Amino acid sequence: MPGYIRNTVGIGSASGANTSLNLMVNIKFNESNGSAYPQNKANSGPVGLKRWFETYAVTPSMTTGAYTNVKWSEFKGSAIFGCTISIRNETYERYGRNDNGGIRITPLFGSVDSSGGGSFTVTVFTAKGGSQVASGTGTTAFTIGGTGSAGSPGSFPDSTYYVTVTNVHGSGASPASNSFGFYWKCAYNSKTDGQIRSDPVDPNSFNSSTGGQTIITPPDRTNPGDFSAGMTVLCKSKSFSVIPAASTP
């Protein structure tokens, strides 16, 4: 399934796997409803697709809220991208000085999965707007360690980092890119408060369908020194609605 519409735009897969808007929609439907959603929806029309893309995909070329004379060129540059996140608690040390917490991020979809020649950059900051802790660029998993919780007992703000995931499309001096940010709490030892939180003021973050903050806590997050099971997040909110029929105004 394409995660990025580069230049050529089509509705069904007949136009090419990396150009089909219907196949791109399936990324979100698979996330919400499993594989039952059909690969091609026969009655998809430009108005219904545009309404869906405005809500559930990053669409830098679209004129928001205009549903007459929809142009296929408006869909160019649309992206759905995300990552699988695993987190690791800092291990016990009397004074909380191990600083060996960590986060592992595996990029998903975007221009990398669409043969767009893209890459991902992951950056961890001490806080939103704070100083950079670490950064990496590539197409495979990133593991960033050497981070600490606030120690025991630890307070929420003191052990929370801000992470940005950026999908860079292509290469060159100024390639286009899309990004979203989220908060990561690095917990201490076997504490259960390690979690991932969306950024409710970032329109591209994985917030709820009503714009509220999404909080994700992996069930096996209490094993100090070990990474948790992966948690998959995608840009913007999950899709819980089908594409309107072609006749929908």
C-alpha atoms as a PDB file:
ATOM      1  CA  MET A   1       0.000   0.000   0.000  1.00  0.00           C
ATOM      2  CA  PRO A   2       1.329   3.467  -0.825  1.00  0.00           C
ATOM      3  CA  GLY A   3       2.049   5.776   2.080  1.00  0.00           C
ATOM      4  CA  TYR A   4       2.876   8.773  -0.099  1.00  0.00           C
ATOM      5  CA  ILE A   5       1.346  10.079  -3.325  1.00  0.00           C
ATOM      6  CA  ARG A   6       4.254  11.505  -5.243  1.00  0.00           C
ATOM      7  CA  ASN A   7       3.212  12.759  -8.683  1.00  0.00           C
ATOM      8  CA  THR A   8       0.733  10.437 -10.416  1.00  0.00           C
ATOM      9  CA  VAL A   9      -2.669  10.128  -8.730  1.00  0.00           C
ATOM     10  CA  GLY A  10      -5.192   7.320  -9.285  1.00  0.00           C
ATOM     11  CA  ILE A  11      -8.178   5.855  -7.456  1.00  0.00           C
ATOM     12  CA  GLY A  12      -7.785   2.105  -7.901  1.00  0.00           C
ATOM     13  CA  SER A  13      -4.767  -0.135  -8.052  1.00  0.00           C
ATOM     14  CA  ALA A  14      -4.978  -0.401 -11.852  1.00  0.00           C
ATOM     15  CA  SER A  15      -3.137   2.915 -12.080  1.00  0.00           C
ATOM     16  CA  GLY A  16      -0.227   1.530 -10.081  1.00  0.00           C
ATOM     17  CA  ALA A  17       0.263   0.380  -6.515  1.00  0.00           C
ATOM     18  CA  ASN A  18       2.127   3.568  -5.554  1.00  0.00           C
ATOM     19  CA  THR A  19      -0.473   5.966  -6.986  1.00  0.00           C
ATOM     20  CA  SER A  20      -3.770   4.547  -5.686  1.00  0.00           C
ATOM     21  CA  LEU A  21      -5.716   6.661  -3.206  1.00  0.00           C
ATOM     22  CA  ASN A  22      -7.920   3.686  -2.315  1.00  0.00           C
ATOM     23  CA  LEU A  23      -4.934   1.554  -1.382  1.00  0.00           C
ATOM     24  CA  MET A  24      -3.538   4.391   0.722  1.00  0.00           C
ATOM     25  CA  VAL A  25      -6.858   4.643   2.570  1.00  0.00           C
ATOM     26  CA  ASN A  26      -6.506   0.985   3.538  1.00  0.00           C
ATOM     27  CA  ILE A  27      -3.557   1.832   5.796  1.00  0.00           C
ATOM     28  CA  LYS A  28      -5.926   3.566   8.214  1.00  0.00           C
ATOM     29  CA  PHE A  29      -8.791   1.100   7.811  1.00  0.00           C
ATOM     30  CA  ASN A  30      -6.468  -1.803   8.540  1.00  0.00           C
ATOM     31  CA  GLU A  31      -5.319   0.014  11.689  1.00  0.00           C
ATOM     32  CA  SER A  32      -8.881   0.453  12.935  1.00  0.00           C
ATOM     33  CA  ASN A  33     -10.841  -2.466  11.550  1.00  0.00           C
ATOM     34  CA  GLY A  34      -8.377  -5.141  10.507  1.00  0.00           C
ATOM     35  CA  SER A  35      -7.979  -6.621   7.057  1.00  0.00           C
ATOM     36  CA  ALA A  36     -11.719  -6.902   6.336  1.00  0.00           C
ATOM     37  CA  TYR A  37     -11.791  -3.565   4.537  1.00  0.00           C
ATOM     38  CA  PRO A  38     -11.619  -4.105   0.732  1.00  0.00           C
ATOM     39  CA  GLN A  39      -8.502  -3.071  -1.144  1.00  0.00           C
ATOM     40  CA  ASN A  40     -10.530  -1.135  -3.703  1.00  0.00           C
ATOM     41  CA  LYS A  41     -13.813   0.628  -2.958  1.00  0.00           C
ATOM     42  CA  ALA A  42     -15.792   0.790  -6.189  1.00  0.00           C
ATOM     43  CA  ASN A  43     -17.924   3.849  -5.405  1.00  0.00           C
ATOM     44  CA  SER A  44     -15.121   6.138  -4.253  1.00  0.00           C
ATOM     45  CA  GLY A  45     -15.411   9.613  -5.729  1.00  0.00           C
ATOM     46  CA  PRO A  46     -13.200  12.709  -5.513  1.00  0.00           C
ATOM     47  CA  VAL A  47     -15.414  14.529  -2.992  1.00  0.00           C
ATOM     48  CA  GLY A  48     -15.627  11.576  -0.597  1.00  0.00           C
ATOM     49  CA  LEU A  49     -11.919  10.883  -0.931  1.00  0.00           C
ATOM     50  CA  LYS A  50     -11.046  14.508  -0.298  1.00  0.00           C
ATOM     51  CA  ARG A  51     -13.174  14.637   2.855  1.00  0.00           C
ATOM     52  CA  TRP A  52     -11.469  11.491   4.127  1.00  0.00           C
ATOM     53  CA  PHE A  53      -7.939  12.653   3.277  1.00  0.00           C
ATOM     54  CA  GLU A  54      -8.458  16.010   5.000  1.00  0.00           C
ATOM     55  CA  THR A  55      -9.259  14.211   8.255  1.00  0.00           C
ATOM     56  CA  TYR A  56      -7.013  11.160   8.242  1.00  0.00           C
ATOM     57  CA  ALA A  57      -3.962  11.938   6.080  1.00  0.00           C
ATOM     58  CA  VAL A  58      -1.382  14.729   5.832  1.00  0.00           C
ATOM     59  CA  THR A  59      -2.454  16.760   2.790  1.00  0.00           C
ATOM     60  CA  PRO A  60      -0.227  19.816   2.223  1.00  0.00           C
ATOM     61  CA  SER A  61      -1.650  20.604  -1.249  1.00  0.00           C
ATOM     62  CA  MET A  62      -5.350  20.548  -0.384  1.00  0.00           C
ATOM     63  CA  THR A  63      -7.604  23.565  -0.080  1.00  0.00           C
ATOM     64  CA  THR A  64      -9.409  22.610   3.119  1.00  0.00           C
ATOM     65  CA  GLY A  65     -13.193  22.690   3.114  1.00  0.00           C
ATOM     66  CA  ALA A  66     -13.672  23.227  -0.634  1.00  0.00           C
ATOM     67  CA  TYR A  67     -15.676  20.397  -2.189  1.00  0.00           C
ATOM     68  CA  THR A  68     -16.529  21.735  -5.635  1.00  0.00           C
ATOM     69  CA  ASN A  69     -14.246  21.308  -8.631  1.00  0.00           C
ATOM     70  CA  VAL A  70     -11.982  18.895  -6.751  1.00  0.00           C
ATOM     71  CA  LYS A  71      -8.689  18.505  -8.608  1.00  0.00           C
ATOM     72  CA  TRP A  72      -6.617  15.332  -8.552  1.00  0.00           C
ATOM     73  CA  SER A  73      -3.538  17.533  -8.174  1.00  0.00           C
ATOM     74  CA  GLU A  74      -4.771  18.385  -4.658  1.00  0.00           C
ATOM     75  CA  PHE A  75      -3.902  14.848  -3.591  1.00  0.00           C
ATOM     76  CA  LYS A  76      -0.242  15.164  -4.597  1.00  0.00           C
ATOM     77  CA  GLY A  77       2.079  15.113  -1.625  1.00  0.00           C
ATOM     78  CA  SER A  78      -0.494  13.361   0.583  1.00  0.00           C
ATOM     79  CA  ALA A  79       1.090  11.049   3.141  1.00  0.00           C
ATOM     80  CA  ILE A  80       0.214   8.503   5.786  1.00  0.00           C
ATOM     81  CA  PHE A  81       3.221   7.541   7.869  1.00  0.00           C
ATOM     82  CA  GLY A  82       3.987   6.424  11.380  1.00  0.00           C
ATOM     83  CA  CYS A  83       6.107   4.065  13.420  1.00  0.00           C
ATOM     84  CA  THR A  84       6.184   1.189  15.867  1.00  0.00           C
ATOM     85  CA  ILE A  85       7.440   2.312  19.288  1.00  0.00           C
ATOM     86  CA  SER A  86       9.024   0.254  22.072  1.00  0.00           C
ATOM     87  CA  ILE A  87      10.139   1.818  25.363  1.00  0.00           C
ATOM     88  CA  ARG A  88      12.579   0.734  28.077  1.00  0.00           C
ATOM     89  CA  ASN A  89      12.650   1.716  31.760  1.00  0.00           C
ATOM     90  CA  GLU A  90      15.802   2.953  33.423  1.00  0.00           C
ATOM     91  CA  THR A  91      17.240   0.212  35.672  1.00  0.00           C
ATOM     92  CA  TYR A  92      17.685   0.549  39.428  1.00  0.00           C
ATOM     93  CA  GLU A  93      20.663   2.328  40.916  1.00  0.00           C
ATOM     94  CA  ARG A  94      20.646   3.770  44.414  1.00  0.00           C
ATOM     95  CA  TYR A  95      20.811   7.350  43.196  1.00  0.00           C
ATOM     96  CA  GLY A  96      19.027   6.849  39.871  1.00  0.00           C
ATOM     97  CA  ARG A  97      22.179   7.516  37.840  1.00  0.00           C
ATOM     98  CA  ASN A  98      22.154   4.635  35.346  1.00  0.00           C
ATOM     99  CA  ASP A  99      20.442   6.721  32.668  1.00  0.00           C
ATOM    100  CA  ASN A 100      19.912   3.647  30.512  1.00  0.00           C
ATOM    101  CA  GLY A 101      16.287   4.112  29.564  1.00  0.00           C
ATOM    102  CA  GLY A 102      15.581   3.966  25.874  1.00  0.00           C
ATOM    103  CA  ILE A 103      13.160   4.158  22.989  1.00  0.00           C
ATOM    104  CA  ARG A 104      13.129   2.134  19.776  1.00  0.00           C
ATOM    105  CA  ILE A 105      11.267   3.445  16.732  1.00  0.00           C
ATOM    106  CA  THR A 106      10.666   1.500  13.522  1.00  0.00           C
ATOM    107  CA  PRO A 107       9.379   3.717  10.653  1.00  0.00           C
ATOM    108  CA  LEU A 108       6.233   2.700   8.775  1.00  0.00           C
ATOM    109  CA  PHE A 109       4.741   3.695   5.414  1.00  0.00           C
ATOM    110  CA  GLY A 110       5.300   7.211   4.060  1.00  0.00           C
ATOM    111  CA  SER A 111       7.560   7.755   1.057  1.00  0.00           C
ATOM    112  CA  VAL A 112       9.866   4.890   2.074  1.00  0.00           C
ATOM    113  CA  ASP A 113       7.129   2.309   1.461  1.00  0.00           C
ATOM    114  CA  SER A 114       5.966   4.104  -1.685  1.00  0.00           C
ATOM    115  CA  SER A 115       9.262   3.857  -3.595  1.00  0.00           C
ATOM    116  CA  GLY A 116       9.559   7.579  -3.113  1.00  0.00           C
ATOM    117  CA  GLY A 117      13.237   7.528  -2.234  1.00  0.00           C
ATOM    118  CA  GLY A 118      12.456   8.867   1.206  1.00  0.00           C
ATOM    119  CA  SER A 119      13.881   8.420   4.679  1.00  0.00           C
ATOM    120  CA  PHE A 120      12.937   9.039   8.301  1.00  0.00           C
ATOM    121  CA  THR A 121      14.519  11.244  10.945  1.00  0.00           C
ATOM    122  CA  VAL A 122      13.798  10.610  14.625  1.00  0.00           C
ATOM    123  CA  THR A 123      14.806  13.223  17.205  1.00  0.00           C
ATOM    124  CA  VAL A 124      14.479  13.100  21.002  1.00  0.00           C
ATOM    125  CA  PHE A 125      14.379  16.337  23.014  1.00  0.00           C
ATOM    126  CA  THR A 126      14.503  16.980  26.751  1.00  0.00           C
ATOM    127  CA  ALA A 127      11.050  18.567  26.415  1.00  0.00           C
ATOM    128  CA  LYS A 128       8.954  20.187  23.722  1.00  0.00           C
ATOM    129  CA  GLY A 129      11.036  23.167  22.701  1.00  0.00           C
ATOM    130  CA  GLY A 130      13.940  21.825  24.769  1.00  0.00           C
ATOM    131  CA  SER A 131      17.458  20.795  23.835  1.00  0.00           C
ATOM    132  CA  GLN A 132      18.178  17.819  21.603  1.00  0.00           C
ATOM    133  CA  VAL A 133      19.165  14.565  23.278  1.00  0.00           C
ATOM    134  CA  ALA A 134      19.785  12.413  20.194  1.00  0.00           C
ATOM    135  CA  SER A 135      18.791  12.085  16.541  1.00  0.00           C
ATOM    136  CA  GLY A 136      19.068   9.547  13.738  1.00  0.00           C
ATOM    137  CA  THR A 137      18.194   9.342  10.031  1.00  0.00           C
ATOM    138  CA  GLY A 138      17.547   6.271   7.880  1.00  0.00           C
ATOM    139  CA  THR A 139      14.897   3.803   6.756  1.00  0.00           C
ATOM    140  CA  THR A 140      15.085   1.118   9.454  1.00  0.00           C
ATOM    141  CA  ALA A 141      14.711   0.918  13.231  1.00  0.00           C
ATOM    142  CA  PHE A 142      16.269   3.569  15.483  1.00  0.00           C
ATOM    143  CA  THR A 143      17.326   2.776  19.032  1.00  0.00           C
ATOM    144  CA  ILE A 144      18.063   5.766  21.237  1.00  0.00           C
ATOM    145  CA  GLY A 145      19.381   5.018  24.723  1.00  0.00           C
ATOM    146  CA  GLY A 146      21.246   6.839  27.451  1.00  0.00           C
ATOM    147  CA  THR A 147      18.130   8.537  28.744  1.00  0.00           C
ATOM    148  CA  GLY A 148      17.079   8.757  32.354  1.00  0.00           C
ATOM    149  CA  SER A 149      13.871   8.874  34.310  1.00  0.00           C
ATOM    150  CA  ALA A 150      13.538  11.300  37.174  1.00  0.00           C
ATOM    151  CA  GLY A 151      14.630   8.495  39.469  1.00  0.00           C
ATOM    152  CA  SER A 152      12.543   7.237  42.340  1.00  0.00           C
ATOM    153  CA  PRO A 153       9.837   8.288  42.894  1.00  0.00           C
ATOM    154  CA  GLY A 154       9.959  10.505  39.779  1.00  0.00           C
ATOM    155  CA  SER A 155       7.410  13.084  38.732  1.00  0.00           C
ATOM    156  CA  PHE A 156       5.705  13.132  35.354  1.00  0.00           C
ATOM    157  CA  PRO A 157       7.170  16.358  33.879  1.00  0.00           C
ATOM    158  CA  ASP A 158      10.734  15.594  35.013  1.00  0.00           C
ATOM    159  CA  SER A 159      10.968  12.317  33.108  1.00  0.00           C
ATOM    160  CA  THR A 160       9.056  13.164  29.963  1.00  0.00           C
ATOM    161  CA  TYR A 161      10.829  13.588  26.642  1.00  0.00           C
ATOM    162  CA  TYR A 162       9.486  14.973  23.372  1.00  0.00           C
ATOM    163  CA  VAL A 163      10.031  12.951  20.202  1.00  0.00           C
ATOM    164  CA  THR A 164       9.565  13.992  16.579  1.00  0.00           C
ATOM    165  CA  VAL A 165       9.215  11.559  13.676  1.00  0.00           C
ATOM    166  CA  THR A 166       9.825  13.121  10.258  1.00  0.00           C
ATOM    167  CA  ASN A 167       9.308  11.469   6.885  1.00  0.00           C
ATOM    168  CA  VAL A 168      11.642  13.145   4.382  1.00  0.00           C
ATOM    169  CA  HIS A 169      10.513  12.709   0.767  1.00  0.00           C
ATOM    170  CA  GLY A 170      13.426  12.231  -1.613  1.00  0.00           C
ATOM    171  CA  SER A 171      16.779  13.960  -1.460  1.00  0.00           C
ATOM    172  CA  GLY A 172      18.361  17.212  -2.559  1.00  0.00           C
ATOM    173  CA  ALA A 173      18.883  20.570  -0.912  1.00  0.00           C
ATOM    174  CA  SER A 174      15.294  21.133   0.303  1.00  0.00           C
ATOM    175  CA  PRO A 175      13.193  17.949   0.082  1.00  0.00           C
ATOM    176  CA  ALA A 176       9.578  18.054   1.227  1.00  0.00           C
ATOM    177  CA  SER A 177       8.823  16.412   4.561  1.00  0.00           C
ATOM    178  CA  ASN A 178       6.019  15.717   7.029  1.00  0.00           C
ATOM    179  CA  SER A 179       6.367  15.165  10.766  1.00  0.00           C
ATOM    180  CA  PHE A 180       4.517  14.630  14.009  1.00  0.00           C
ATOM    181  CA  GLY A 181       5.519  14.816  17.648  1.00  0.00           C
ATOM    182  CA  PHE A 182       4.648  12.925  20.814  1.00  0.00           C
ATOM    183  CA  TYR A 183       5.623  12.692  24.487  1.00  0.00           C
ATOM    184  CA  TRP A 184       7.485   9.747  25.951  1.00  0.00           C
ATOM    185  CA  LYS A 185       7.717   9.134  29.683  1.00  0.00           C
ATOM    186  CA  CYS A 186      10.781   7.132  30.655  1.00  0.00           C
ATOM    187  CA  ALA A 187       9.906   5.344  33.892  1.00  0.00           C
ATOM    188  CA  TYR A 188      12.221   4.122  36.652  1.00  0.00           C
ATOM    189  CA  ASN A 189      12.990   0.465  37.447  1.00  0.00           C
ATOM    190  CA  SER A 190       9.722  -1.530  37.623  1.00  0.00           C
ATOM    191  CA  LYS A 191       7.398   1.489  37.838  1.00  0.00           C
ATOM    192  CA  THR A 192       4.308   1.206  35.643  1.00  0.00           C
ATOM    193  CA  ASP A 193       4.035   4.797  34.471  1.00  0.00           C
ATOM    194  CA  GLY A 194       6.095   4.519  31.277  1.00  0.00           C
ATOM    195  CA  GLN A 195       3.907   5.671  28.405  1.00  0.00           C
ATOM    196  CA  ILE A 196       3.527   7.379  25.049  1.00  0.00           C
ATOM    197  CA  ARG A 197       1.214  10.399  24.695  1.00  0.00           C
ATOM    198  CA  SER A 198       0.139  12.170  21.524  1.00  0.00           C
ATOM    199  CA  ASP A 199       0.591  15.938  21.247  1.00  0.00           C
ATOM    200  CA  PRO A 200      -2.911  17.475  21.232  1.00  0.00           C
ATOM    201  CA  VAL A 201      -1.695  20.756  19.703  1.00  0.00           C
ATOM    202  CA  ASP A 202       0.081  19.009  16.823  1.00  0.00           C
ATOM    203  CA  PRO A 203      -2.506  18.412  14.052  1.00  0.00           C
ATOM    204  CA  ASN A 204      -0.399  15.568  12.632  1.00  0.00           C
ATOM    205  CA  SER A 205      -0.010  13.674  15.918  1.00  0.00           C
ATOM    206  CA  PHE A 206      -2.035  10.532  16.623  1.00  0.00           C
ATOM    207  CA  ASN A 207      -4.758  12.273  18.601  1.00  0.00           C
ATOM    208  CA  SER A 208      -8.279  10.922  19.040  1.00  0.00           C
ATOM    209  CA  SER A 209     -10.958  11.519  16.428  1.00  0.00           C
ATOM    210  CA  THR A 210     -12.150  14.487  18.503  1.00  0.00           C
ATOM    211  CA  GLY A 211      -8.662  15.970  18.826  1.00  0.00           C
ATOM    212  CA  GLY A 212      -8.029  14.773  22.377  1.00  0.00           C
ATOM    213  CA  GLN A 213      -4.791  13.274  23.607  1.00  0.00           C
ATOM    214  CA  THR A 214      -4.156   9.570  23.031  1.00  0.00           C
ATOM    215  CA  ILE A 215      -2.257   7.769  25.823  1.00  0.00           C
ATOM    216  CA  ILE A 216      -0.644   4.383  25.134  1.00  0.00           C
ATOM    217  CA  THR A 217       0.812   2.157  27.859  1.00  0.00           C
ATOM    218  CA  PRO A 218       2.382  -1.158  26.790  1.00  0.00           C
ATOM    219  CA  PRO A 219       1.387  -4.012  29.121  1.00  0.00           C
ATOM    220  CA  ASP A 220       4.966  -5.272  29.541  1.00  0.00           C
ATOM    221  CA  ARG A 221       6.525  -1.867  30.264  1.00  0.00           C
ATOM    222  CA  THR A 222       7.654  -2.774  33.802  1.00  0.00           C
ATOM    223  CA  ASN A 223      10.699  -4.902  32.919  1.00  0.00           C
ATOM    224  CA  PRO A 224      13.705  -2.658  33.588  1.00  0.00           C
ATOM    225  CA  GLY A 225      16.405  -2.932  30.962  1.00  0.00           C
ATOM    226  CA  ASP A 226      14.131  -4.663  28.423  1.00  0.00           C
ATOM    227  CA  PHE A 227      12.187  -3.044  25.612  1.00  0.00           C
ATOM    228  CA  SER A 228       8.415  -3.331  25.704  1.00  0.00           C
ATOM    229  CA  ALA A 229       6.288  -4.806  22.948  1.00  0.00           C
ATOM    230  CA  GLY A 230       5.876  -2.513  19.973  1.00  0.00           C
ATOM    231  CA  MET A 231       3.053   0.040  19.830  1.00  0.00           C
ATOM    232  CA  THR A 232       2.043   1.217  16.361  1.00  0.00           C
ATOM    233  CA  VAL A 233       0.972   4.825  15.786  1.00  0.00           C
ATOM    234  CA  LEU A 234       0.110   6.627  12.558  1.00  0.00           C
ATOM    235  CA  CYS A 235      -0.063  10.340  11.812  1.00  0.00           C
ATOM    236  CA  LYS A 236      -3.410  11.992  12.533  1.00  0.00           C
ATOM    237  CA  SER A 237      -6.378  10.193  14.059  1.00  0.00           C
ATOM    238  CA  LYS A 238      -7.559   6.647  13.420  1.00  0.00           C
ATOM    239  CA  SER A 239     -10.247   6.203  10.799  1.00  0.00           C
ATOM    240  CA  PHE A 240     -13.537   4.827  12.076  1.00  0.00           C
ATOM    241  CA  SER A 241     -15.683   5.806   9.093  1.00  0.00           C
ATOM    242  CA  VAL A 242     -15.917   4.603   5.529  1.00  0.00           C
ATOM    243  CA  ILE A 243     -15.384   6.849   2.532  1.00  0.00           C
ATOM    244  CA  PRO A 244     -18.661   8.555   1.563  1.00  0.00           C
ATOM    245  CA  ALA A 245     -20.242   7.287  -1.641  1.00  0.00           C
ATOM    246  CA  ALA A 246     -19.442   9.110  -4.850  1.00  0.00           C
ATOM    247  CA  SER A 247     -22.855  10.795  -4.840  1.00  0.00           C
ATOM    248  CA  THR A 248     -22.341  12.413  -1.417  1.00  0.00           C
ATOM    249  CA  PRO A 249     -22.264  16.237  -1.813  1.00  0.00           C
END
